[in-house]
Protein backbone atom coordinates (compact mmCIF):
# COMPACT_ATOMS: atom_id res chain seq x y z
CA UNK A 1 -15.56 -10.50 0.00
CA UNK A 2 -19.07 -9.60 0.64
CA UNK A 3 -19.03 -5.85 -0.04
CA UNK A 4 -18.04 -4.68 -3.55
CA UNK A 5 -15.41 -1.92 -3.54
CA UNK A 6 -14.47 0.21 -6.45
CA UNK A 7 -10.87 -0.28 -7.31
CA UNK A 8 -9.78 3.18 -6.16
CA UNK A 9 -11.82 2.91 -2.91
CA UNK A 10 -10.28 -0.51 -2.17
CA UNK A 11 -6.82 0.76 -2.63
CA UNK A 12 -7.36 3.90 -0.58
CA UNK A 13 -9.09 1.95 2.17
CA UNK A 14 -6.87 -1.07 2.65
CA UNK A 15 -3.50 -0.37 0.82
CA UNK A 16 -2.37 2.25 3.44
CA UNK A 17 -2.05 -0.33 6.18
CA UNK A 18 -0.28 -2.73 3.88
CA UNK A 19 2.28 -0.09 2.93
CA UNK A 20 2.81 0.88 6.57
CA UNK A 21 3.21 -2.71 7.64
CA UNK A 22 5.87 -3.50 5.08
CA UNK A 23 7.70 -0.23 5.54
CA UNK A 24 7.82 -0.85 9.29
CA UNK A 25 8.91 -4.46 8.81
CA UNK A 26 11.75 -3.20 6.59
CA UNK A 27 12.71 -0.68 9.26
CA UNK A 28 12.34 2.23 6.82
CA UNK A 29 11.21 5.80 7.53
CA UNK A 30 8.79 7.34 5.05
CA UNK A 31 11.73 9.35 3.69
CA UNK A 32 13.85 6.25 3.15
CA UNK A 33 10.96 4.50 1.34
CA UNK A 34 10.36 7.66 -0.75
CA UNK A 35 14.09 7.84 -1.70
CA UNK A 36 14.21 4.15 -2.69
CA UNK A 37 10.92 4.38 -4.70
CA UNK A 38 11.82 7.72 -6.37
CA UNK A 39 8.85 9.58 -4.96
CA UNK A 40 8.46 12.35 -2.38
CA UNK A 41 8.01 11.75 1.35
CA UNK A 42 4.71 13.68 1.21
CA UNK A 43 3.43 11.30 -1.45
CA UNK A 44 4.35 8.26 0.81
CA UNK A 45 2.39 10.03 3.59
CA UNK A 46 -0.59 10.56 1.30
CA UNK A 47 -0.49 6.86 0.39
CA UNK A 48 -0.32 5.76 4.00
CA UNK A 49 -3.18 8.11 4.99
CA UNK A 50 -5.39 6.85 2.12
CA UNK A 51 -5.50 10.21 0.35
CA UNK A 52 -3.98 8.67 -2.81
CA UNK A 53 -4.03 5.22 -4.26
CA UNK A 54 -0.95 3.86 -6.03
CA UNK A 55 -1.30 3.04 -9.72
CA UNK A 56 0.32 -0.16 -10.91
CA UNK A 57 3.66 1.38 -11.80
CA UNK A 58 3.96 3.08 -8.43
CA UNK A 59 2.98 -0.11 -6.66
CA UNK A 60 5.73 -1.98 -8.49
CA UNK A 61 8.30 0.78 -7.42
CA UNK A 62 7.16 0.65 -3.79
CA UNK A 63 7.25 -3.15 -3.72
CA UNK A 64 10.73 -3.16 -5.19
CA UNK A 65 11.88 -0.54 -2.71
CA UNK A 66 10.50 -2.87 0.09
CA UNK A 67 12.01 -5.93 -1.52
CA UNK A 68 8.72 -7.83 -1.88
CA UNK A 69 6.54 -8.86 -4.79
CA UNK A 70 3.82 -6.36 -5.86
CA UNK A 71 1.38 -9.29 -5.86
CA UNK A 72 2.00 -9.94 -2.19
CA UNK A 73 0.93 -6.31 -1.40
CA UNK A 74 -2.22 -6.74 -3.45
CA UNK A 75 -2.97 -10.08 -1.90
CA UNK A 76 -2.63 -8.61 1.57
CA UNK A 77 -4.86 -5.74 0.62
CA UNK A 78 -7.58 -8.05 -0.59
CA UNK A 79 -7.21 -10.21 2.55
CA UNK A 80 -7.54 -7.19 4.76
CA UNK A 81 -10.67 -6.12 2.81
CA UNK A 82 -12.23 -9.63 3.16
CA UNK A 83 -11.49 -9.72 6.88
CA UNK A 84 -13.12 -6.24 7.29
CA UNK A 85 -16.26 -7.26 5.40
CA UNK A 86 -16.65 -10.63 7.02
CA UNK A 87 -17.54 -9.00 10.40
């Protein structure tokens, strides 16, 4: 990754697409993901829009709700960031 991102900026820039991709792949609405993760639908929306970045505890809850490993989401976020900075 050529460009250095602050942790919060990285998560707000690239995690939204990761969450949306996995939510769509699971066939879940924002409300269904929110219910499974124990958060509000508006918070899911804020995450997907990049207004908020999930902390580690929330990332684990979301990953469990999506039935994937939290590390997979982080790896995908970093991969997306690297692809974006390689151009």
